[in-house]
Amino acid sequence: MLRSGAQPFPSLEIVPPMSGIRKEELLESIAPLMEFAPRYINVTTHRDEFRFEPQPDGSFVRRVVRNRVSAVAVCAAIQSRYDVEVVPHLICGGTPAYETEALLQDFKFMGIENVMALRGDSLTGEKRFTPDPAGYAHANELVAAIRAFERENGGDFCIGVGGYPEKHFEAANLETDIENLKRKVDAGADVIITQMFFDNEAFYRFVEHCRAAGITVPIIPGLKPISTAKQIALLPESFSIDIPVELTEAIRRAGEDKEAVYHIGTEWCIAQCRDLLSHGAPAVHFYTMGKSRNIVEILRACF
């Protein structure tokens, strides 16, 4: 379970592959990581996108675009091969309440006992997140709905929620963001897994703020190694995070040497992981982004 474990352990997050990939290809891509006995594998969920197709009469018809294999299918594939807990993401965005309940029924049928409850991202082109009119606007509402499902249908889900050491980009300040996080915990969340960060001091300050606010559940740090020079710009833009000057300067000095950049990012993440474990982190969660080579090196060095 997400909420158990006497010894620190690694966990992983994978993104469902693009449609068209075979099941064996997916399983082979994560096989190198199984050597390190991760406690669980999170599987992200992505909102349906839409396109508008012109019709002969000049009107347009909205079509659903699903470019990735579903999280449920990925979880089932992993369960069929590996003895590891799978943790599908449930999101508010684009998901009416009846669909959330149907997914929970599927998870219960599959023997899945752990879920991540997240608001989810905005649609491409949206300036602000727009909830489904028949769904939930915030993650705390989704957590409460999962607990209500348990009361009516049985089951005992361990619920993880997201935390943001550098605050969620929509929050006015860190204090407000932690108030929102406490609402998720008060609604029934069991554990917090953080957004990626590259400065451990930001994580330690975040934990202190959470404890001062009365949040007592485990807080698991999330890490992602930088693997390309482009990520210095792309990660802050996509995730609203800071990258320390020391790290960015080292990567810039590496110039066009891709292997040097890869090595710098991997070594930085190893140092982060070791420091977190030495400070008593209950686990370390790794965002693989579909890559395993650097994660294998980090797990070998730290676990």
Protein backbone atom coordinates (compact mmCIF):
# COMPACT_ATOMS: atom_id res chain seq x y z
CA MET A 1 0.00 0.00 0.00
CA LEU A 2 1.03 3.60 -0.54
CA ARG A 3 0.66 4.25 3.18
CA SER A 4 2.83 1.32 4.35
CA GLY A 5 6.51 0.51 4.48
CA ALA A 6 9.04 0.39 7.29
CA GLN A 7 12.06 0.91 5.05
CA PRO A 8 12.50 3.66 2.43
CA PHE A 9 11.58 2.42 -1.03
CA PRO A 10 11.54 3.62 -4.63
CA SER A 11 8.38 4.09 -6.65
CA LEU A 12 7.84 5.01 -10.27
CA GLU A 13 5.49 6.94 -12.48
CA ILE A 14 4.95 6.11 -16.13
CA VAL A 15 2.98 7.81 -18.87
CA PRO A 16 0.71 5.55 -20.96
CA PRO A 17 2.28 5.06 -24.39
CA MET A 18 0.88 6.41 -27.61
CA SER A 19 -1.79 4.27 -29.26
CA GLY A 20 -0.42 1.58 -31.54
CA ILE A 21 2.25 0.22 -29.21
CA ARG A 22 2.06 -3.47 -28.37
CA LYS A 23 1.63 -4.69 -24.81
CA GLU A 24 5.00 -6.46 -24.93
CA GLU A 25 6.77 -3.25 -25.92
CA LEU A 26 5.38 -1.49 -22.86
CA LEU A 27 6.34 -4.32 -20.52
CA GLU A 28 9.84 -4.56 -21.97
CA SER A 29 10.34 -0.81 -21.46
CA ILE A 30 9.83 -1.11 -17.71
CA ALA A 31 11.53 -4.49 -17.26
CA PRO A 32 14.94 -2.97 -16.34
CA LEU A 33 13.30 -1.12 -13.44
CA MET A 34 11.79 -4.25 -11.89
CA GLU A 35 15.22 -5.34 -10.64
CA PHE A 36 14.89 -2.72 -7.90
CA ALA A 37 11.50 -3.95 -6.62
CA PRO A 38 9.61 -0.64 -6.76
CA ARG A 39 6.76 -0.60 -4.25
CA TYR A 40 4.31 0.70 -6.82
CA ILE A 41 3.99 2.15 -10.31
CA ASN A 42 1.80 5.18 -10.86
CA VAL A 43 0.06 5.37 -14.22
CA THR A 44 -1.00 8.81 -15.39
CA THR A 45 -4.39 9.60 -16.87
CA HIS A 46 -4.81 12.11 -19.68
CA ARG A 47 -7.87 14.10 -20.65
CA ASP A 48 -9.48 13.53 -24.00
CA GLU A 49 -8.67 16.25 -26.47
CA PHE A 50 -11.00 17.35 -29.26
CA ARG A 51 -10.83 18.43 -32.86
CA PHE A 52 -13.48 20.07 -34.99
CA GLU A 53 -14.06 18.48 -38.39
CA PRO A 54 -15.71 20.52 -41.18
CA GLN A 55 -18.88 19.10 -42.69
CA PRO A 56 -20.20 19.48 -46.27
CA ASP A 57 -22.87 21.94 -45.10
CA GLY A 58 -20.26 24.25 -43.58
CA SER A 59 -20.86 23.20 -39.99
CA PHE A 60 -18.32 21.53 -37.70
CA VAL A 61 -18.56 18.34 -35.67
CA ARG A 62 -16.51 17.89 -32.49
CA ARG A 63 -14.60 14.59 -32.40
CA VAL A 64 -12.87 13.06 -29.41
CA VAL A 65 -9.13 12.50 -29.90
CA ARG A 66 -7.53 9.76 -27.80
CA ASN A 67 -3.87 9.40 -28.65
CA ARG A 68 -2.77 7.24 -25.73
CA VAL A 69 -3.53 3.82 -24.32
CA SER A 70 -5.82 4.16 -21.30
CA ALA A 71 -4.48 4.03 -17.76
CA VAL A 72 -6.77 1.06 -17.02
CA ALA A 73 -5.28 -0.93 -19.93
CA VAL A 74 -1.73 -0.09 -18.84
CA CYS A 75 -2.48 -1.12 -15.25
CA ALA A 76 -3.95 -4.43 -16.46
CA ALA A 77 -0.88 -5.07 -18.64
CA ILE A 78 1.51 -4.46 -15.75
CA GLN A 79 -0.54 -6.64 -13.41
CA SER A 80 -0.41 -9.47 -15.95
CA ARG A 81 3.39 -9.61 -15.84
CA TYR A 82 4.80 -8.08 -12.66
CA ASP A 83 4.16 -8.48 -8.95
CA VAL A 84 3.90 -4.76 -8.21
CA GLU A 85 1.10 -2.48 -7.06
CA VAL A 86 -0.32 -0.26 -9.79
CA VAL A 87 -1.68 3.16 -8.92
CA PRO A 88 -3.92 4.70 -11.59
CA HIS A 89 -4.56 8.42 -11.58
CA LEU A 90 -8.11 9.69 -11.25
CA ILE A 91 -8.62 13.25 -12.47
CA CYS A 92 -11.39 15.80 -12.22
CA GLY A 93 -10.84 17.30 -15.66
CA GLY A 94 -13.16 15.93 -18.30
CA THR A 95 -14.54 13.24 -15.99
CA PRO A 96 -18.18 13.29 -14.90
CA ALA A 97 -19.00 11.76 -11.53
CA TYR A 98 -20.64 8.67 -13.03
CA GLU A 99 -17.45 7.90 -14.98
CA THR A 100 -15.34 8.25 -11.83
CA GLU A 101 -17.64 5.75 -10.10
CA ALA A 102 -17.38 3.36 -13.04
CA LEU A 103 -13.57 3.56 -12.91
CA LEU A 104 -13.60 2.84 -9.19
CA GLN A 105 -15.77 -0.21 -9.86
CA ASP A 106 -13.21 -1.37 -12.45
CA PHE A 107 -10.33 -0.81 -10.03
CA LYS A 108 -12.11 -2.77 -7.31
CA PHE A 109 -12.72 -5.62 -9.77
CA MET A 110 -9.03 -5.59 -10.77
CA GLY A 111 -7.85 -5.72 -7.16
CA ILE A 112 -6.36 -2.22 -7.32
CA GLU A 113 -6.19 -0.74 -3.82
CA ASN A 114 -4.29 2.50 -4.46
CA VAL A 115 -5.24 5.56 -6.50
CA MET A 116 -3.97 9.09 -7.04
CA ALA A 117 -6.71 11.75 -6.88
CA LEU A 118 -5.77 14.82 -8.92
CA ARG A 119 -7.54 17.80 -10.38
CA GLY A 120 -5.72 17.39 -13.68
CA ASP A 121 -4.53 19.87 -16.25
CA SER A 122 -6.42 22.30 -18.43
CA LEU A 123 -7.18 21.43 -22.01
CA THR A 124 -4.77 22.68 -24.64
CA GLY A 125 -5.68 26.30 -25.32
CA GLU A 126 -7.56 26.80 -22.04
CA LYS A 127 -6.31 29.69 -19.94
CA ARG A 128 -7.91 28.31 -16.78
CA PHE A 129 -9.01 24.87 -15.73
CA THR A 130 -12.67 24.22 -16.49
CA PRO A 131 -14.25 21.34 -14.54
CA ASP A 132 -16.71 18.94 -16.06
CA PRO A 133 -20.19 20.29 -15.22
CA ALA A 134 -21.21 16.83 -13.99
CA GLY A 135 -17.94 16.16 -12.16
CA TYR A 136 -15.62 17.66 -9.56
CA ALA A 137 -13.84 20.99 -9.60
CA HIS A 138 -11.13 20.26 -7.03
CA ALA A 139 -9.13 17.26 -5.88
CA ASN A 140 -10.56 17.42 -2.34
CA GLU A 141 -14.02 16.87 -3.84
CA LEU A 142 -12.68 13.86 -5.76
CA VAL A 143 -11.12 12.43 -2.58
CA ALA A 144 -14.44 12.83 -0.76
CA ALA A 145 -16.23 11.09 -3.65
CA ILE A 146 -13.86 8.11 -3.42
CA ARG A 147 -14.56 7.80 0.30
CA ALA A 148 -18.29 8.02 -0.39
CA PHE A 149 -17.94 5.25 -3.00
CA GLU A 150 -16.27 3.05 -0.37
CA ARG A 151 -19.12 3.58 2.09
CA GLU A 152 -21.68 2.59 -0.52
CA ASN A 153 -19.80 -0.19 -2.33
CA GLY A 154 -17.18 -1.47 0.09
CA GLY A 155 -13.46 -1.37 -0.46
CA ASP A 156 -10.58 0.43 1.15
CA PHE A 157 -8.61 2.58 -1.25
CA CYS A 158 -5.39 4.22 -0.22
CA ILE A 159 -5.59 7.69 -1.76
CA GLY A 160 -2.61 9.72 -2.81
CA VAL A 161 -2.76 13.42 -3.70
CA GLY A 162 -0.30 15.86 -5.23
CA GLY A 163 1.76 18.43 -3.35
CA TYR A 164 3.82 21.33 -4.71
CA PRO A 165 7.02 22.26 -2.83
CA GLU A 166 7.27 25.46 -4.89
CA LYS A 167 3.46 25.92 -4.82
CA HIS A 168 0.92 25.23 -7.52
CA PHE A 169 1.23 27.86 -10.21
CA GLU A 170 -2.39 28.94 -9.75
CA ALA A 171 -2.07 29.50 -6.00
CA ALA A 172 -1.53 33.06 -4.79
CA ASN A 173 1.16 31.93 -2.35
CA LEU A 174 2.55 28.83 -0.65
CA GLU A 175 0.39 29.31 2.45
CA THR A 176 -2.80 29.29 0.38
CA ASP A 177 -1.59 26.25 -1.53
CA ILE A 178 -0.95 24.35 1.69
CA GLU A 179 -4.43 25.28 2.93
CA ASN A 180 -5.77 23.67 -0.26
CA LEU A 181 -3.58 20.62 0.34
CA LYS A 182 -4.94 20.27 3.87
CA ARG A 183 -8.47 20.22 2.45
CA LYS A 184 -7.46 17.17 0.42
CA VAL A 185 -6.03 15.45 3.49
CA ASP A 186 -9.03 16.35 5.62
CA ALA A 187 -11.28 14.87 2.92
CA GLY A 188 -9.53 11.52 3.36
CA ALA A 189 -6.18 11.49 1.53
CA ASP A 190 -3.60 9.09 2.98
CA VAL A 191 -0.36 10.27 1.42
CA ILE A 192 1.12 13.18 -0.54
CA ILE A 193 3.45 12.72 -3.51
CA THR A 194 5.13 15.92 -4.59
CA GLN A 195 5.71 17.56 -7.91
CA MET A 196 9.30 17.25 -9.13
CA PHE A 197 11.83 19.67 -7.68
CA PHE A 198 15.58 20.16 -8.00
CA ASP A 199 16.40 21.91 -4.72
CA ASN A 200 15.93 19.72 -1.65
CA GLU A 201 15.76 22.76 0.61
CA ALA A 202 12.47 23.67 -1.09
CA PHE A 203 11.13 20.23 -0.16
CA TYR A 204 12.28 20.47 3.46
CA ARG A 205 10.66 23.90 3.85
CA PHE A 206 7.47 22.55 2.29
CA VAL A 207 7.35 19.65 4.77
CA GLU A 208 7.85 22.07 7.67
CA HIS A 209 4.98 24.26 6.44
CA CYS A 210 2.75 21.20 6.02
CA ARG A 211 3.44 19.92 9.53
CA ALA A 212 2.85 23.38 10.98
CA ALA A 213 -0.52 23.42 9.19
CA GLY A 214 -1.52 20.14 10.84
CA ILE A 215 -0.85 17.83 7.89
CA THR A 216 0.47 14.58 9.36
CA VAL A 217 0.27 12.06 6.48
CA PRO A 218 3.49 10.83 4.79
CA ILE A 219 4.97 13.24 2.22
CA ILE A 220 6.90 11.47 -0.54
CA PRO A 221 9.32 13.55 -2.62
CA GLY A 222 9.10 13.28 -6.41
CA LEU A 223 12.24 13.49 -8.55
CA LYS A 224 13.04 13.59 -12.24
CA PRO A 225 16.59 13.60 -13.62
CA ILE A 226 17.35 16.13 -16.35
CA SER A 227 18.47 14.27 -19.45
CA THR A 228 18.69 16.96 -22.16
CA ALA A 229 19.77 20.59 -22.25
CA LYS A 230 16.36 21.61 -23.61
CA GLN A 231 14.72 20.58 -20.33
CA ILE A 232 16.28 23.59 -18.59
CA ALA A 233 13.67 25.66 -20.43
CA LEU A 234 10.93 23.10 -20.96
CA LEU A 235 10.50 21.85 -17.37
CA PRO A 236 10.02 25.29 -15.76
CA GLU A 237 7.62 26.22 -18.54
CA SER A 238 5.60 23.01 -18.26
CA PHE A 239 5.63 22.51 -14.48
CA SER A 240 6.27 25.99 -13.02
CA ILE A 241 9.37 24.88 -11.12
CA ASP A 242 12.79 26.39 -10.47
CA ILE A 243 16.07 24.82 -11.51
CA PRO A 244 19.08 25.85 -9.39
CA VAL A 245 21.72 28.07 -10.97
CA GLU A 246 24.46 25.55 -10.16
CA LEU A 247 22.67 22.89 -12.21
CA THR A 248 21.75 25.12 -15.15
CA GLU A 249 25.29 26.50 -15.39
CA ALA A 250 26.80 23.02 -15.35
CA ILE A 251 24.54 21.97 -18.19
CA ARG A 252 25.28 25.10 -20.19
CA ARG A 253 29.02 24.50 -19.80
CA ALA A 254 28.51 21.01 -21.24
CA GLY A 255 27.34 22.66 -24.46
CA GLU A 256 26.54 20.19 -27.25
CA ASP A 257 27.91 17.19 -25.36
CA LYS A 258 24.68 15.26 -24.87
CA GLU A 259 26.29 12.48 -22.81
CA ALA A 260 27.83 15.05 -20.47
CA VAL A 261 24.42 16.69 -19.95
CA TYR A 262 22.87 13.29 -19.29
CA HIS A 263 25.58 12.49 -16.74
CA ILE A 264 25.19 15.86 -14.97
CA GLY A 265 21.42 15.40 -14.65
CA THR A 266 21.79 11.84 -13.39
CA GLU A 267 24.44 12.72 -10.80
CA TRP A 268 22.38 15.66 -9.55
CA CYS A 269 19.37 13.38 -9.03
CA ILE A 270 21.53 10.78 -7.26
CA ALA A 271 22.77 13.47 -4.87
CA GLN A 272 19.20 14.65 -4.27
CA CYS A 273 17.98 11.11 -3.60
CA ARG A 274 20.78 10.28 -1.18
CA ASP A 275 20.23 13.51 0.72
CA LEU A 276 16.48 12.92 0.95
CA LEU A 277 17.00 9.38 2.28
CA SER A 278 19.53 10.63 4.82
CA HIS A 279 16.89 13.12 6.03
CA GLY A 280 14.34 10.37 6.61
CA ALA A 281 12.22 10.44 3.42
CA PRO A 282 9.83 7.45 3.63
CA ALA A 283 10.23 6.83 -0.10
CA VAL A 284 11.39 8.54 -3.26
CA HIS A 285 9.12 8.72 -6.29
CA PHE A 286 10.64 8.93 -9.78
CA TYR A 287 9.02 10.47 -12.84
CA THR A 288 10.35 8.28 -15.65
CA MET A 289 8.74 10.08 -18.61
CA GLY A 290 9.03 6.82 -20.53
CA LYS A 291 12.81 6.53 -20.03
CA SER A 292 14.55 3.93 -17.89
CA ARG A 293 18.32 4.24 -18.43
CA ASN A 294 18.97 7.13 -16.03
CA ILE A 295 16.41 5.89 -13.50
CA VAL A 296 18.18 2.51 -13.40
CA GLU A 297 21.50 4.27 -12.69
CA ILE A 298 19.92 6.30 -9.89
CA LEU A 299 18.17 3.34 -8.29
CA ARG A 300 21.39 1.30 -8.44
CA ALA A 301 23.28 4.13 -6.71
CA CYS A 302 20.67 4.81 -4.02
CA PHE A 303 18.76 1.61 -3.32
